[in-house]
Amino acid sequence: MSALLGSRLSWRLAWRYYSGAGNQLLGSGLARLAVVGLMVSVALLVVVLAVMNGFERELRERILGLVPHVEIDYPYGAPQADDASRLRSDPAVVSVAPFTRSQGLLYVAGRSRAVELLGLDPSQLPLGWAALLADQPPLAPDQLRLSVALAAQLQVAVGDRVTVLSSDSDRATALQVATVAGLFATHTELDQQLALVALRHQGASQHGWQLQLTDPLASRDWAAVARAQLSAGGQLRDWRQSHGNLYQAIKLSRQLVVLLILLTVAIAAFNVVAMLVMSVERRRGDIAILQTMGLPRDQLVALFGQLALVIGCVGVTAGVVLGLALCAAVGPLFGALQAALGWRLLSTEVYPIDYLPVDWRAADLLLIGSVTLLLTALAAIYPARRASALLPAAELRSE
């Protein structure tokens, strides 16, 4: 470490060589080209990590705010009140909401759409739905609430009537005409498949309970413990059974993309190696003069290490600033691009959300900066060894 830090003289020389003052050793062009490579690589890594973090955050906060963390279904009997009391007293449980669920078909004017009919109690809504429907009145048994996406596909508006064919768990079917009482937009994949109905809509009986936990990632462990404490007949499902693949895909995509972008950082660091080697070859005579003037070999090694750190610090700083600026702009730019093209690049028919989320984190910036500086410092080892191995007498004779 002391060899890398060197003396004040070697730091001054390193900065002079970076800035190109007096056309020394490098000229500023090669150094600044290396800085641009590091800056672009770091900025890309910042933006990609922020977008991946955003997808993970939206899965955790938005999608898991609407999807039950654990669902207890009683397909062959009525839900037990004792189970509900036991669940509400559990400190790991945030909310317990009754629900009904059935498969349905909506039909209007020759247009049809298969949906899932979810019945909720307006006085005991899960937290995510409570926030989303805060300004909408409770549904009557002959009403339903559609997503904006489903309403557009069926070409209906608030006040229109649709025919609903539903089938519950015991395959009993019911046919009714319901009025569209309101619209909602979760901006998630739920918009493509879900219609909200009254808890006691025609032909429905309560299926069970939807639970929100303090820690959704612990849902599987919690369900394994709770299963033994509930009455017989209750079937537990956690969110990983319906959205676990999505969570794993986001994690895997994050790791793969980060690996690919890190490779670009490594390539940028290799550019630093190439630049320093070229500098050694171009200025062998200058290096020999520095040695004859009394610059020790360890200070010469430090000079190249410090020059690499100067390049790394400037590149990382500029890259982080550029990356944060892109993070602030990428969401609005993505929305503007979708509007200009007239179609959605992210559709909830394919992707879990229909917008580009961004969530940059200070820990990621620190990690990116540290890794980049480490790579640039390592990049100086080979050129520094080449420079320190030069023989001043031989180099000066050939000048």
Protein backbone atom coordinates (compact mmCIF):
# COMPACT_ATOMS: atom_id res chain seq x y z
CA MET A 1 0.00 0.00 0.00
CA SER A 2 2.82 2.42 0.79
CA ALA A 3 4.35 1.75 -2.65
CA LEU A 4 1.02 2.55 -4.25
CA LEU A 5 0.50 5.76 -2.28
CA GLY A 6 4.08 6.89 -2.85
CA SER A 7 5.20 10.42 -2.10
CA ARG A 8 3.78 13.86 -2.74
CA LEU A 9 6.19 14.20 -5.68
CA SER A 10 4.88 11.10 -7.41
CA TRP A 11 1.29 12.28 -6.90
CA ARG A 12 2.15 15.63 -8.48
CA LEU A 13 3.79 13.86 -11.40
CA ALA A 14 0.81 11.53 -11.79
CA TRP A 15 -1.61 14.46 -12.01
CA ARG A 16 0.73 16.33 -14.38
CA TYR A 17 0.94 13.31 -16.64
CA TYR A 18 -2.83 12.83 -16.56
CA SER A 19 -3.55 16.45 -17.46
CA GLY A 20 -0.93 16.39 -20.22
CA ALA A 21 0.80 19.53 -18.95
CA GLY A 22 3.94 20.15 -20.97
CA ASN A 23 3.08 17.14 -23.15
CA GLN A 24 4.58 14.88 -20.50
CA LEU A 25 4.63 11.09 -20.72
CA LEU A 26 1.04 10.59 -21.90
CA GLY A 27 -0.34 13.64 -23.52
CA SER A 28 -3.87 14.08 -22.16
CA GLY A 29 -5.62 12.38 -25.10
CA LEU A 30 -4.95 8.74 -24.20
CA ALA A 31 -5.68 9.32 -20.51
CA ARG A 32 -8.97 11.02 -21.19
CA LEU A 33 -9.96 8.33 -23.65
CA ALA A 34 -9.43 5.78 -20.88
CA VAL A 35 -11.52 7.98 -18.57
CA VAL A 36 -14.36 8.04 -21.11
CA GLY A 37 -14.31 4.24 -21.29
CA LEU A 38 -14.52 3.94 -17.51
CA MET A 39 -17.20 6.64 -17.31
CA VAL A 40 -19.48 4.95 -19.86
CA SER A 41 -19.03 1.51 -18.23
CA VAL A 42 -19.74 2.83 -14.73
CA ALA A 43 -22.77 4.82 -15.91
CA LEU A 44 -24.23 1.75 -17.64
CA LEU A 45 -23.69 -0.34 -14.53
CA VAL A 46 -25.38 2.28 -12.32
CA VAL A 47 -28.43 2.48 -14.60
CA VAL A 48 -28.78 -1.29 -15.06
CA LEU A 49 -28.51 -1.96 -11.33
CA ALA A 50 -31.02 0.80 -10.60
CA VAL A 51 -33.54 -0.67 -13.07
CA MET A 52 -33.08 -4.19 -11.69
CA ASN A 53 -33.48 -2.83 -8.16
CA GLY A 54 -36.61 -1.07 -9.35
CA PHE A 55 -38.15 -4.28 -10.66
CA GLU A 56 -37.32 -6.03 -7.39
CA ARG A 57 -38.82 -3.15 -5.37
CA GLU A 58 -42.02 -3.09 -7.45
CA LEU A 59 -42.40 -6.85 -7.05
CA ARG A 60 -42.00 -6.48 -3.29
CA GLU A 61 -44.04 -3.34 -2.71
CA ARG A 62 -46.58 -3.06 -5.55
CA ILE A 63 -47.28 -6.60 -6.73
CA LEU A 64 -46.93 -8.18 -3.28
CA GLY A 65 -49.05 -5.35 -1.88
CA LEU A 66 -51.95 -6.67 -3.98
CA VAL A 67 -51.16 -10.38 -4.15
CA PRO A 68 -51.67 -12.18 -0.81
CA HIS A 69 -48.43 -13.29 0.80
CA VAL A 70 -50.23 -16.38 2.10
CA GLU A 71 -53.68 -17.58 1.14
CA ILE A 72 -55.68 -20.04 3.24
CA ASP A 73 -58.42 -21.73 1.25
CA TYR A 74 -61.19 -24.00 2.58
CA PRO A 75 -62.48 -25.72 -0.57
CA TYR A 76 -64.61 -28.30 1.28
CA GLY A 77 -66.06 -26.27 4.13
CA ALA A 78 -66.59 -22.86 5.66
CA PRO A 79 -63.58 -20.96 7.00
CA GLN A 80 -63.07 -21.36 10.73
CA ALA A 81 -63.47 -18.26 12.91
CA ASP A 82 -60.93 -19.68 15.37
CA ASP A 83 -58.33 -19.70 12.60
CA ALA A 84 -58.96 -16.04 11.86
CA SER A 85 -58.56 -15.09 15.55
CA ARG A 86 -55.36 -17.08 15.79
CA LEU A 87 -53.98 -15.47 12.64
CA ARG A 88 -54.80 -11.91 13.74
CA SER A 89 -52.94 -12.45 17.02
CA ASP A 90 -49.77 -13.51 15.19
CA PRO A 91 -47.23 -10.62 15.26
CA ALA A 92 -45.91 -11.69 11.84
CA VAL A 93 -49.34 -11.10 10.24
CA VAL A 94 -50.22 -7.56 9.14
CA SER A 95 -53.76 -8.15 7.86
CA VAL A 96 -56.30 -10.96 7.50
CA ALA A 97 -58.98 -10.43 4.85
CA PRO A 98 -61.82 -12.77 3.81
CA PHE A 99 -62.13 -13.51 0.10
CA THR A 100 -64.00 -15.44 -2.54
CA ARG A 101 -62.52 -16.51 -5.85
CA SER A 102 -64.08 -18.02 -8.94
CA GLN A 103 -63.35 -18.30 -12.62
CA GLY A 104 -65.57 -16.21 -14.83
CA LEU A 105 -66.35 -15.15 -18.35
CA LEU A 106 -67.39 -11.59 -19.13
CA TYR A 107 -69.56 -11.11 -22.23
CA VAL A 108 -70.82 -7.89 -23.80
CA ALA A 109 -71.94 -7.16 -27.38
CA GLY A 110 -70.15 -10.15 -28.88
CA ARG A 111 -66.91 -9.53 -26.99
CA SER A 112 -65.79 -11.88 -24.21
CA ARG A 113 -62.92 -12.18 -21.81
CA ALA A 114 -61.97 -14.91 -19.32
CA VAL A 115 -61.24 -13.42 -15.90
CA GLU A 116 -60.74 -14.30 -12.27
CA LEU A 117 -63.52 -12.93 -10.06
CA LEU A 118 -62.12 -11.84 -6.70
CA GLY A 119 -64.55 -10.95 -3.94
CA LEU A 120 -63.29 -8.82 -1.05
CA ASP A 121 -64.92 -7.36 2.06
CA PRO A 122 -64.69 -3.51 1.80
CA SER A 123 -64.30 -3.26 5.58
CA GLN A 124 -61.36 -5.71 5.63
CA LEU A 125 -59.45 -5.00 2.44
CA PRO A 126 -55.81 -6.07 2.14
CA LEU A 127 -53.49 -3.08 2.53
CA GLY A 128 -52.64 -2.72 -1.14
CA TRP A 129 -56.26 -2.84 -2.26
CA ALA A 130 -57.32 -0.50 0.55
CA ALA A 131 -54.95 2.17 -0.76
CA LEU A 132 -55.93 1.59 -4.39
CA LEU A 133 -59.70 1.67 -3.76
CA ALA A 134 -59.75 4.27 -1.00
CA ASP A 135 -61.98 6.69 -2.95
CA GLN A 136 -64.40 4.08 -4.39
CA PRO A 137 -67.64 2.95 -2.68
CA PRO A 138 -68.34 -0.70 -1.75
CA LEU A 139 -69.72 -2.96 -4.45
CA ALA A 140 -73.27 -4.25 -4.45
CA PRO A 141 -73.89 -7.94 -5.29
CA ASP A 142 -74.88 -6.99 -8.86
CA GLN A 143 -71.83 -4.82 -9.50
CA LEU A 144 -68.22 -5.40 -10.46
CA ARG A 145 -65.08 -3.34 -10.86
CA LEU A 146 -62.79 -3.84 -13.87
CA SER A 147 -59.23 -2.83 -14.61
CA VAL A 148 -58.73 -0.09 -17.17
CA ALA A 149 -57.05 -2.64 -19.46
CA LEU A 150 -59.99 -5.10 -19.32
CA ALA A 151 -62.50 -2.29 -19.81
CA ALA A 152 -60.63 -1.20 -22.93
CA GLN A 153 -60.55 -4.74 -24.29
CA LEU A 154 -64.30 -5.19 -23.70
CA GLN A 155 -65.02 -1.60 -24.81
CA VAL A 156 -67.11 -0.81 -21.75
CA ALA A 157 -67.23 2.17 -19.40
CA VAL A 158 -68.55 2.85 -15.91
CA GLY A 159 -72.31 2.29 -15.90
CA ASP A 160 -72.34 -0.30 -18.68
CA ARG A 161 -73.77 -3.74 -18.05
CA VAL A 162 -71.97 -7.01 -18.78
CA THR A 163 -73.01 -10.64 -18.58
CA VAL A 164 -71.01 -12.67 -16.06
CA LEU A 165 -70.76 -16.43 -16.18
CA SER A 166 -68.94 -17.72 -13.10
CA SER A 167 -67.89 -21.11 -11.79
CA ASP A 168 -66.79 -21.76 -8.21
CA SER A 169 -64.59 -24.51 -6.76
CA ASP A 170 -67.34 -27.16 -6.71
CA ARG A 171 -68.06 -26.48 -10.42
CA ALA A 172 -71.42 -24.82 -9.73
CA THR A 173 -72.14 -22.12 -12.30
CA ALA A 174 -74.00 -18.85 -12.02
CA LEU A 175 -75.17 -16.41 -14.66
CA GLN A 176 -75.92 -12.79 -13.90
CA VAL A 177 -75.89 -9.34 -15.43
CA ALA A 178 -73.62 -6.95 -13.53
CA THR A 179 -73.01 -3.23 -13.79
CA VAL A 180 -69.49 -1.84 -14.14
CA ALA A 181 -69.33 0.30 -10.98
CA GLY A 182 -65.73 1.50 -11.29
CA LEU A 183 -62.30 1.06 -12.80
CA PHE A 184 -58.87 0.49 -11.28
CA ALA A 185 -55.30 0.32 -12.57
CA THR A 186 -52.57 -1.57 -10.71
CA HIS A 187 -50.12 -1.29 -13.66
CA THR A 188 -49.25 -4.94 -13.02
CA GLU A 189 -50.14 -8.24 -14.65
CA LEU A 190 -53.27 -8.35 -12.46
CA ASP A 191 -54.86 -5.82 -14.82
CA GLN A 192 -55.06 -8.51 -17.50
CA GLN A 193 -56.92 -11.13 -15.50
CA LEU A 194 -58.71 -9.77 -12.44
CA ALA A 195 -62.22 -8.38 -11.86
CA LEU A 196 -63.38 -7.33 -8.41
CA VAL A 197 -66.83 -8.29 -7.17
CA ALA A 198 -68.70 -8.09 -3.88
CA LEU A 199 -67.68 -10.64 -1.28
CA ARG A 200 -71.23 -12.06 -1.32
CA HIS A 201 -71.92 -11.93 -5.04
CA GLN A 202 -74.37 -14.32 -6.65
CA GLY A 203 -73.51 -17.97 -6.08
CA ALA A 204 -70.43 -17.17 -3.97
CA SER A 205 -69.46 -18.32 -0.51
CA GLN A 206 -66.37 -17.30 1.37
CA HIS A 207 -63.38 -19.41 0.40
CA GLY A 208 -60.90 -18.40 3.06
CA TRP A 209 -58.44 -15.75 4.17
CA GLN A 210 -55.81 -13.64 2.45
CA LEU A 211 -52.84 -12.71 4.62
CA GLN A 212 -50.24 -9.98 4.37
CA LEU A 213 -47.07 -10.58 6.39
CA THR A 214 -44.49 -8.21 7.83
CA ASP A 215 -41.81 -10.04 5.80
CA PRO A 216 -43.12 -11.43 2.48
CA LEU A 217 -39.81 -13.20 1.79
CA ALA A 218 -40.40 -15.33 4.89
CA SER A 219 -43.84 -16.48 3.70
CA ARG A 220 -42.81 -20.06 2.97
CA ASP A 221 -41.25 -20.62 6.40
CA TRP A 222 -44.22 -18.97 8.10
CA ALA A 223 -46.71 -21.13 6.18
CA ALA A 224 -44.83 -24.31 7.12
CA VAL A 225 -45.19 -23.47 10.81
CA ALA A 226 -48.77 -22.17 10.58
CA ARG A 227 -50.03 -25.22 8.67
CA ALA A 228 -49.83 -27.39 11.78
CA GLN A 229 -51.70 -24.83 13.91
CA LEU A 230 -54.78 -24.37 11.72
CA SER A 231 -57.90 -26.48 11.61
CA ALA A 232 -58.19 -29.41 9.23
CA GLY A 233 -59.35 -28.66 5.71
CA GLY A 234 -57.43 -25.44 5.22
CA GLN A 235 -55.01 -25.33 2.31
CA LEU A 236 -52.12 -22.85 2.47
CA ARG A 237 -50.47 -21.31 -0.57
CA ASP A 238 -47.81 -18.62 -0.46
CA TRP A 239 -47.02 -16.04 -3.13
CA ARG A 240 -43.95 -17.95 -4.34
CA GLN A 241 -46.25 -20.57 -5.86
CA SER A 242 -47.81 -17.96 -8.15
CA HIS A 243 -45.04 -15.36 -8.50
CA GLY A 244 -41.93 -17.22 -7.33
CA ASN A 245 -40.69 -17.76 -10.89
CA LEU A 246 -40.91 -14.02 -11.48
CA TYR A 247 -38.87 -13.29 -8.36
CA GLN A 248 -36.20 -15.80 -9.32
CA ALA A 249 -36.13 -14.47 -12.90
CA ILE A 250 -35.53 -10.93 -11.64
CA LYS A 251 -32.71 -12.09 -9.38
CA LEU A 252 -31.11 -14.16 -12.16
CA SER A 253 -31.46 -11.34 -14.70
CA ARG A 254 -29.86 -8.92 -12.26
CA GLN A 255 -26.88 -11.23 -11.72
CA LEU A 256 -26.37 -11.94 -15.43
CA VAL A 257 -26.69 -8.31 -16.52
CA VAL A 258 -24.36 -7.13 -13.76
CA LEU A 259 -21.83 -9.75 -14.84
CA LEU A 260 -22.02 -8.56 -18.45
CA ILE A 261 -21.62 -4.89 -17.50
CA LEU A 262 -18.73 -5.76 -15.17
CA LEU A 263 -17.03 -7.26 -18.19
CA THR A 264 -17.27 -3.86 -19.89
CA VAL A 265 -15.65 -2.31 -16.81
CA ALA A 266 -12.89 -4.92 -17.06
CA ILE A 267 -12.43 -4.05 -20.75
CA ALA A 268 -12.16 -0.38 -19.81
CA ALA A 269 -9.53 -1.32 -17.21
CA PHE A 270 -7.68 -3.27 -19.90
CA ASN A 271 -7.68 -0.05 -21.96
CA VAL A 272 -5.87 1.58 -19.03
CA VAL A 273 -3.24 -1.20 -19.21
CA ALA A 274 -2.79 -0.66 -22.94
CA MET A 275 -2.56 3.11 -22.48
CA LEU A 276 0.08 2.85 -19.75
CA VAL A 277 2.14 0.33 -21.73
CA MET A 278 2.07 2.67 -24.73
CA SER A 279 3.13 5.49 -22.45
CA VAL A 280 6.11 3.50 -21.17
CA GLU A 281 7.20 2.69 -24.72
CA ARG A 282 6.80 6.26 -25.94
CA ARG A 283 8.67 7.84 -23.03
CA ARG A 284 11.42 5.41 -22.17
CA GLY A 285 13.92 8.26 -22.28
CA ASP A 286 11.86 10.42 -19.91
CA ILE A 287 11.62 7.53 -17.46
CA ALA A 288 15.40 7.04 -17.63
CA ILE A 289 15.93 10.74 -16.91
CA LEU A 290 13.64 10.54 -13.87
CA GLN A 291 15.67 7.60 -12.61
CA THR A 292 19.01 9.38 -13.10
CA MET A 293 17.61 12.39 -11.24
CA GLY A 294 17.17 10.14 -8.22
CA LEU A 295 13.58 8.87 -8.45
CA PRO A 296 13.67 5.46 -6.69
CA ARG A 297 12.19 2.41 -8.38
CA ASP A 298 9.41 2.10 -5.79
CA GLN A 299 8.44 5.72 -6.48
CA LEU A 300 8.38 4.96 -10.21
CA VAL A 301 6.07 2.03 -9.55
CA ALA A 302 3.93 4.31 -7.36
CA LEU A 303 3.82 6.90 -10.13
CA PHE A 304 2.03 4.51 -12.50
CA GLY A 305 -0.23 3.21 -9.74
CA GLN A 306 -1.23 6.75 -8.84
CA LEU A 307 -1.75 7.65 -12.48
CA ALA A 308 -4.14 4.69 -12.80
CA LEU A 309 -5.95 5.80 -9.61
CA VAL A 310 -6.28 9.35 -10.94
CA ILE A 311 -7.81 7.98 -14.15
CA GLY A 312 -10.03 5.64 -12.10
CA CYS A 313 -11.23 8.38 -9.71
CA VAL A 314 -12.06 10.77 -12.54
CA GLY A 315 -13.78 8.01 -14.54
CA VAL A 316 -15.77 6.68 -11.56
CA THR A 317 -16.86 10.15 -10.44
CA ALA A 318 -17.95 11.16 -13.94
CA GLY A 319 -19.62 7.77 -14.47
CA VAL A 320 -21.60 7.92 -11.23
CA VAL A 321 -22.77 11.47 -11.98
CA LEU A 322 -23.77 10.47 -15.53
CA GLY A 323 -25.43 7.29 -14.24
CA LEU A 324 -27.52 9.18 -11.66
CA ALA A 325 -28.54 11.70 -14.31
CA LEU A 326 -29.64 8.83 -16.56
CA CYS A 327 -31.52 7.23 -13.65
CA ALA A 328 -33.50 10.44 -13.21
CA ALA A 329 -34.24 10.67 -16.93
CA VAL A 330 -34.73 7.06 -18.01
CA GLY A 331 -38.26 6.68 -16.59
CA PRO A 332 -39.75 9.80 -18.27
CA LEU A 333 -37.78 9.11 -21.46
CA PHE A 334 -39.11 5.55 -21.57
CA GLY A 335 -42.68 6.80 -21.12
CA ALA A 336 -42.18 9.44 -23.82
CA LEU A 337 -40.76 6.79 -26.18
CA GLN A 338 -43.79 4.56 -25.64
CA ALA A 339 -46.12 7.50 -26.29
CA ALA A 340 -44.21 8.47 -29.45
CA LEU A 341 -44.27 4.91 -30.81
CA GLY A 342 -47.93 4.48 -29.93
CA TRP A 343 -47.50 1.07 -28.31
CA ARG A 344 -46.21 -0.25 -25.03
CA LEU A 345 -42.70 -1.67 -24.93
CA LEU A 346 -43.60 -3.20 -21.56
CA SER A 347 -47.04 -4.79 -21.62
CA THR A 348 -48.54 -6.50 -18.58
CA GLU A 349 -49.55 -9.33 -20.91
CA VAL A 350 -45.85 -10.23 -21.01
CA TYR A 351 -44.12 -8.31 -18.20
CA PRO A 352 -45.17 -7.96 -14.54
CA ILE A 353 -45.47 -4.15 -14.80
CA ASP A 354 -46.00 -1.71 -17.68
CA TYR A 355 -43.47 0.97 -16.78
CA LEU A 356 -39.72 1.19 -16.13
CA PRO A 357 -38.94 1.46 -12.40
CA VAL A 358 -35.66 2.93 -11.14
CA ASP A 359 -34.22 2.54 -7.65
CA TRP A 360 -30.55 3.46 -7.21
CA ARG A 361 -28.89 2.62 -3.91
CA ALA A 362 -25.85 4.16 -2.25
CA ALA A 363 -24.45 0.70 -1.43
CA ASP A 364 -24.45 -0.18 -5.15
CA LEU A 365 -22.63 3.06 -6.02
CA LEU A 366 -20.01 2.32 -3.37
CA LEU A 367 -19.56 -1.23 -4.66
CA ILE A 368 -19.28 -0.08 -8.29
CA GLY A 369 -16.74 2.60 -7.41
CA SER A 370 -14.65 0.27 -5.26
CA VAL A 371 -14.52 -2.52 -7.84
CA THR A 372 -13.66 -0.11 -10.66
CA LEU A 373 -10.87 1.55 -8.68
CA LEU A 374 -9.49 -1.85 -7.71
CA LEU A 375 -9.44 -2.97 -11.35
CA THR A 376 -7.72 0.23 -12.49
CA ALA A 377 -5.13 -0.07 -9.71
CA LEU A 378 -4.41 -3.67 -10.73
CA ALA A 379 -4.15 -2.48 -14.33
CA ALA A 380 -1.08 -0.42 -13.39
CA ILE A 381 0.98 -3.35 -12.11
CA TYR A 382 2.28 -4.64 -15.44
CA PRO A 383 3.19 -1.21 -16.96
CA ALA A 384 4.83 -0.15 -13.68
CA ARG A 385 7.00 -3.28 -13.64
CA ARG A 386 8.02 -2.64 -17.25
CA ALA A 387 8.95 0.95 -16.42
CA SER A 388 10.92 0.01 -13.31
CA ALA A 389 12.86 -2.63 -15.28
CA LEU A 390 14.28 -0.07 -17.72
CA LEU A 391 18.05 0.53 -17.45
CA PRO A 392 18.73 4.31 -17.48
CA ALA A 393 22.23 4.04 -19.01
CA ALA A 394 21.09 1.84 -21.88
CA GLU A 395 18.07 4.05 -22.61
CA LEU A 396 20.09 7.28 -22.55
CA ARG A 397 22.75 5.85 -24.89
CA SER A 398 20.05 5.01 -27.43
CA GLU A 399 18.52 8.53 -27.29
